[in-house]
Amino acid sequence: MILIETRAVAPFFKNGFVVACNDTREAILIDPGDEVQDLLAFAEQQSLAIRFILLTHAHVDHITGVGVAKQALGVPIYLHRDDLFLYERVVEFGAMFGLRVEPQPPVDGFYTPGQKIAFGGYEARPHHTPGHCPGGVCLEIGRKGERGEDLFVGDTLFAGSIGRTDLPGGDYETLIGSIENVLFPFGDEARVHPGHGPSTTIGQERLTNPFLQKRR
C-alpha cells in the first residue's frame, strides 16, 4: 500500500510530498520547498527511509528546501536537464519575488527516458511534460511492473486550472500538448497530485477544466 503525505506553507502554499511504501517504509521526497522541515519530521515520526529527492521542475518555490533535505538525508537529487538553468539561478529568481534564497546543492542526476526509480515495492517513472517550464516532468508512481495510478504533475495541471506559461521557458501550446498527449493517456481514474491546491483526477479535469474544454 502507498502512503502519501502532503504539506504546504506560506508564502507560496506549494505542495511538497513524501511518498512511501507502507510495507518496506522506503520513501521518496518530491519538491521540497519551505515546508521541508514538516515533511522531514513526518518521515521521522513514521520511521520512513527517504531514498531520493525528486523534483518535478526547478521553479524557486519547488526547490527552496532541497539543501535542507540533502543535508539531512544525503540522498541523490534528480531533475530534468532542461530545467538546470532555473535551478542554478534560484538566488536570482528568488529575488524577483522579493525573497532571499540560498543556492541549492548540485543535482546528482538527470531523468532519462524510460527510467524507473525504485523505493520499496514501488517505482517513480518520470515523463517529460514541458510547457510550464522546459524541464517539467510528471512522476508516475505505481507498484513495480504495474501502471501507476498516482501522478505528481508539478505545476503542469491543477484542479480546475493549468500552469502559468509567462515565466522563462514557458509556452502555452506546449503545455496543453503535454496535458493532452502525456497526462490524459493515463486514463480517467488516474489520481493527479498538483504542485498547488487539492488533488484531482484525469477524468475530472478532462470533463470540467475550463482551459481544456476550450480545445473541443
Protein backbone atom coordinates (compact mmCIF):
# COMPACT_ATOMS: atom_id res chain seq x y z
CA MET A 1 0.00 0.00 0.00
CA ILE A 2 1.21 3.50 -0.83
CA LEU A 3 1.41 6.32 1.74
CA ILE A 4 1.20 9.93 0.57
CA GLU A 5 1.75 12.91 2.88
CA THR A 6 1.30 16.47 1.61
CA ARG A 7 2.34 19.72 3.27
CA ALA A 8 2.13 23.37 2.13
CA VAL A 9 3.13 26.58 3.91
CA ALA A 10 3.30 30.33 3.23
CA PRO A 11 4.20 32.27 1.18
CA PHE A 12 3.66 30.04 -1.88
CA PHE A 13 1.47 27.30 -0.36
CA LYS A 14 3.26 24.90 -2.67
CA ASN A 15 2.64 21.19 -2.15
CA GLY A 16 5.59 19.08 -1.07
CA PHE A 17 5.19 15.33 -0.78
CA VAL A 18 6.53 12.29 1.00
CA VAL A 19 5.52 9.14 -0.86
CA ALA A 20 6.27 5.83 0.84
CA CYS A 21 5.90 2.09 0.51
CA ASN A 22 3.99 1.06 3.63
CA ASP A 23 5.44 -2.44 3.56
CA THR A 24 9.15 -1.54 3.48
CA ARG A 25 8.96 2.05 4.84
CA GLU A 26 11.16 3.25 1.96
CA ALA A 27 10.13 6.63 0.56
CA ILE A 28 10.85 9.50 -1.79
CA LEU A 29 10.64 13.25 -1.22
CA ILE A 30 9.04 15.28 -4.02
CA ASP A 31 9.60 19.04 -4.48
CA PRO A 32 10.85 20.03 -1.02
CA GLY A 33 10.21 23.74 -0.54
CA ASP A 34 9.58 25.90 2.51
CA GLU A 35 7.57 23.04 4.06
CA VAL A 36 10.60 20.73 4.06
CA GLN A 37 11.00 20.57 7.85
CA ASP A 38 7.39 19.41 8.23
CA LEU A 39 7.95 16.66 5.67
CA LEU A 40 11.19 15.52 7.27
CA ALA A 41 9.53 15.47 10.70
CA PHE A 42 6.69 13.36 9.30
CA ALA A 43 9.15 10.90 7.78
CA GLU A 44 10.99 10.58 11.08
CA GLN A 45 7.77 10.11 13.06
CA GLN A 46 6.67 7.37 10.66
CA SER A 47 10.12 5.70 10.58
CA LEU A 48 10.40 6.24 6.83
CA ALA A 49 13.71 5.94 4.99
CA ILE A 50 13.75 8.52 2.20
CA ARG A 51 15.89 7.25 -0.70
CA PHE A 52 15.61 10.05 -3.28
CA ILE A 53 14.78 13.74 -3.69
CA LEU A 54 12.77 14.05 -6.92
CA LEU A 55 11.93 17.41 -8.48
CA THR A 56 9.05 17.94 -10.91
CA HIS A 57 10.70 21.18 -12.05
CA ALA A 58 13.01 23.90 -10.78
CA HIS A 59 10.90 26.97 -10.11
CA VAL A 60 12.01 28.61 -6.89
CA ASP A 61 9.03 27.59 -4.73
CA HIS A 62 9.64 23.91 -5.53
CA ILE A 63 13.32 23.81 -4.59
CA THR A 64 13.94 26.10 -1.59
CA GLY A 65 14.08 23.08 0.72
CA VAL A 66 16.40 20.93 -1.37
CA GLY A 67 19.53 21.97 0.51
CA VAL A 68 17.98 21.23 3.90
CA ALA A 69 16.75 17.86 2.67
CA LYS A 70 20.10 16.97 1.12
CA GLN A 71 21.94 17.83 4.31
CA ALA A 72 19.51 15.81 6.43
CA LEU A 73 19.24 12.78 4.15
CA GLY A 74 22.35 12.62 1.98
CA VAL A 75 20.37 11.07 -0.88
CA PRO A 76 20.51 11.80 -4.64
CA ILE A 77 18.69 14.77 -6.16
CA TYR A 78 17.06 14.25 -9.58
CA LEU A 79 15.88 16.91 -12.04
CA HIS A 80 15.20 17.16 -15.78
CA ARG A 81 18.25 18.59 -17.52
CA ASP A 82 16.21 21.25 -19.34
CA ASP A 83 15.43 22.96 -16.02
CA LEU A 84 19.02 23.13 -14.82
CA PHE A 85 19.27 26.82 -15.81
CA LEU A 86 16.37 27.60 -13.46
CA TYR A 87 17.86 25.52 -10.66
CA GLU A 88 21.23 27.22 -10.92
CA ARG A 89 19.65 30.71 -10.91
CA VAL A 90 17.48 30.15 -7.84
CA VAL A 91 19.01 33.12 -5.99
CA GLU A 92 18.18 35.45 -8.89
CA PHE A 93 14.65 34.13 -9.35
CA GLY A 94 14.00 34.31 -5.61
CA ALA A 95 14.93 37.99 -5.69
CA MET A 96 12.27 38.52 -8.38
CA PHE A 97 9.71 37.55 -5.74
CA GLY A 98 11.40 39.67 -3.08
CA LEU A 99 12.84 36.61 -1.36
CA ARG A 100 16.32 35.84 -0.17
CA VAL A 101 17.03 32.29 -1.30
CA GLU A 102 20.20 30.32 -0.71
CA PRO A 103 21.96 28.48 -3.55
CA GLN A 104 20.95 24.83 -3.61
CA PRO A 105 23.31 21.82 -3.76
CA PRO A 106 24.29 20.35 -7.13
CA VAL A 107 21.90 17.98 -8.86
CA ASP A 108 23.10 14.38 -8.66
CA GLY A 109 21.31 13.00 -11.72
CA PHE A 110 19.08 13.91 -14.64
CA TYR A 111 15.99 11.96 -15.62
CA THR A 112 16.29 9.71 -18.64
CA PRO A 113 13.53 8.30 -20.91
CA GLY A 114 12.11 5.07 -19.52
CA GLN A 115 13.85 5.50 -16.17
CA LYS A 116 12.47 3.70 -13.11
CA ILE A 117 13.44 4.97 -9.65
CA ALA A 118 12.66 2.24 -7.14
CA PHE A 119 11.72 2.62 -3.48
CA GLY A 120 10.40 -0.43 -1.67
CA GLY A 121 7.77 -2.18 -3.76
CA TYR A 122 7.10 0.95 -5.83
CA GLU A 123 8.83 2.96 -8.51
CA ALA A 124 8.67 6.51 -9.83
CA ARG A 125 8.76 6.90 -13.60
CA PRO A 126 9.45 10.41 -14.95
CA HIS A 127 7.62 11.65 -18.06
CA HIS A 128 8.70 14.91 -19.70
CA THR A 129 5.86 17.46 -19.63
CA PRO A 130 7.26 20.82 -20.80
CA GLY A 131 5.18 23.96 -21.17
CA HIS A 132 5.07 25.47 -17.70
CA CYS A 133 8.84 25.34 -17.97
CA PRO A 134 11.23 23.48 -20.29
CA GLY A 135 12.10 20.66 -17.89
CA GLY A 136 8.79 19.92 -16.22
CA VAL A 137 8.06 16.26 -15.53
CA CYS A 138 5.18 14.13 -14.32
CA LEU A 139 6.24 11.48 -11.84
CA GLU A 140 4.10 8.39 -12.38
CA ILE A 141 4.17 6.25 -9.23
CA GLY A 142 2.97 2.68 -9.03
CA ARG A 143 3.94 -0.78 -7.93
CA LYS A 144 6.93 -2.28 -9.69
CA GLY A 145 5.88 -3.63 -13.05
CA GLU A 146 2.37 -2.13 -12.87
CA ARG A 147 0.85 1.01 -14.34
CA GLY A 148 0.97 3.91 -11.91
CA GLU A 149 -2.28 5.35 -10.61
CA ASP A 150 -0.72 8.38 -8.88
CA LEU A 151 0.66 11.25 -10.95
CA PHE A 152 2.74 14.01 -9.37
CA VAL A 153 2.50 16.69 -12.02
CA GLY A 154 4.19 19.76 -10.55
CA ASP A 155 2.60 22.91 -11.99
CA THR A 156 1.51 21.38 -15.31
CA LEU A 157 -2.11 20.70 -14.29
CA PHE A 158 -4.24 21.84 -11.36
CA ALA A 159 -7.76 21.11 -10.16
CA GLY A 160 -9.71 23.39 -12.46
CA SER A 161 -6.71 25.15 -13.95
CA ILE A 162 -3.34 24.76 -15.66
CA GLY A 163 0.17 26.05 -15.01
CA ARG A 164 1.18 29.57 -15.99
CA THR A 165 3.29 29.97 -19.10
CA ASP A 166 4.56 33.55 -18.73
CA LEU A 167 7.78 32.63 -16.89
CA PRO A 168 11.13 31.94 -18.64
CA GLY A 169 10.84 28.93 -20.94
CA GLY A 170 7.04 28.69 -20.66
CA ASP A 171 4.83 28.05 -23.71
CA TYR A 172 1.06 27.67 -23.71
CA GLU A 173 0.65 25.34 -26.68
CA THR A 174 3.45 23.12 -25.41
CA LEU A 175 1.77 22.91 -22.00
CA ILE A 176 -1.59 21.92 -23.49
CA GLY A 177 0.18 19.32 -25.60
CA SER A 178 1.83 17.83 -22.52
CA ILE A 179 -1.53 17.55 -20.76
CA GLU A 180 -3.36 16.04 -23.71
CA ASN A 181 -0.58 13.77 -25.01
CA VAL A 182 1.22 12.72 -21.82
CA LEU A 183 -1.23 13.03 -18.92
CA PHE A 184 -4.59 12.16 -20.49
CA PRO A 185 -3.43 8.72 -21.74
CA PHE A 186 -3.04 7.59 -18.12
CA GLY A 187 -6.84 7.31 -18.04
CA ASP A 188 -9.69 8.96 -16.19
CA GLU A 189 -9.10 7.08 -12.92
CA ALA A 190 -5.50 8.26 -12.51
CA ARG A 191 -5.08 10.47 -9.45
CA VAL A 192 -3.41 13.84 -10.05
CA HIS A 193 -1.36 15.47 -7.27
CA PRO A 194 -0.54 19.06 -8.34
CA GLY A 195 2.09 21.44 -7.06
CA HIS A 196 -0.61 23.73 -5.66
CA GLY A 197 -4.12 23.10 -4.42
CA PRO A 198 -6.11 19.88 -3.97
CA SER A 199 -5.66 16.58 -5.74
CA THR A 200 -7.95 15.66 -8.62
CA THR A 201 -8.27 13.03 -11.34
CA ILE A 202 -7.59 12.97 -15.05
CA GLY A 203 -11.28 12.30 -15.68
CA GLN A 204 -12.38 15.29 -13.61
CA GLU A 205 -10.04 17.62 -15.46
CA ARG A 206 -10.82 16.19 -18.87
CA LEU A 207 -14.53 16.85 -18.33
CA THR A 208 -14.61 20.10 -16.33
CA ASN A 209 -11.30 22.00 -16.57
CA PRO A 210 -12.21 25.21 -18.46
CA PHE A 211 -8.78 25.53 -20.05
CA LEU A 212 -9.15 22.08 -21.58
CA GLN A 213 -12.79 22.45 -22.59
CA LYS A 214 -11.84 25.25 -24.96
CA ARG A 215 -9.90 22.73 -27.01
CA ARG A 216 -13.00 20.83 -28.09
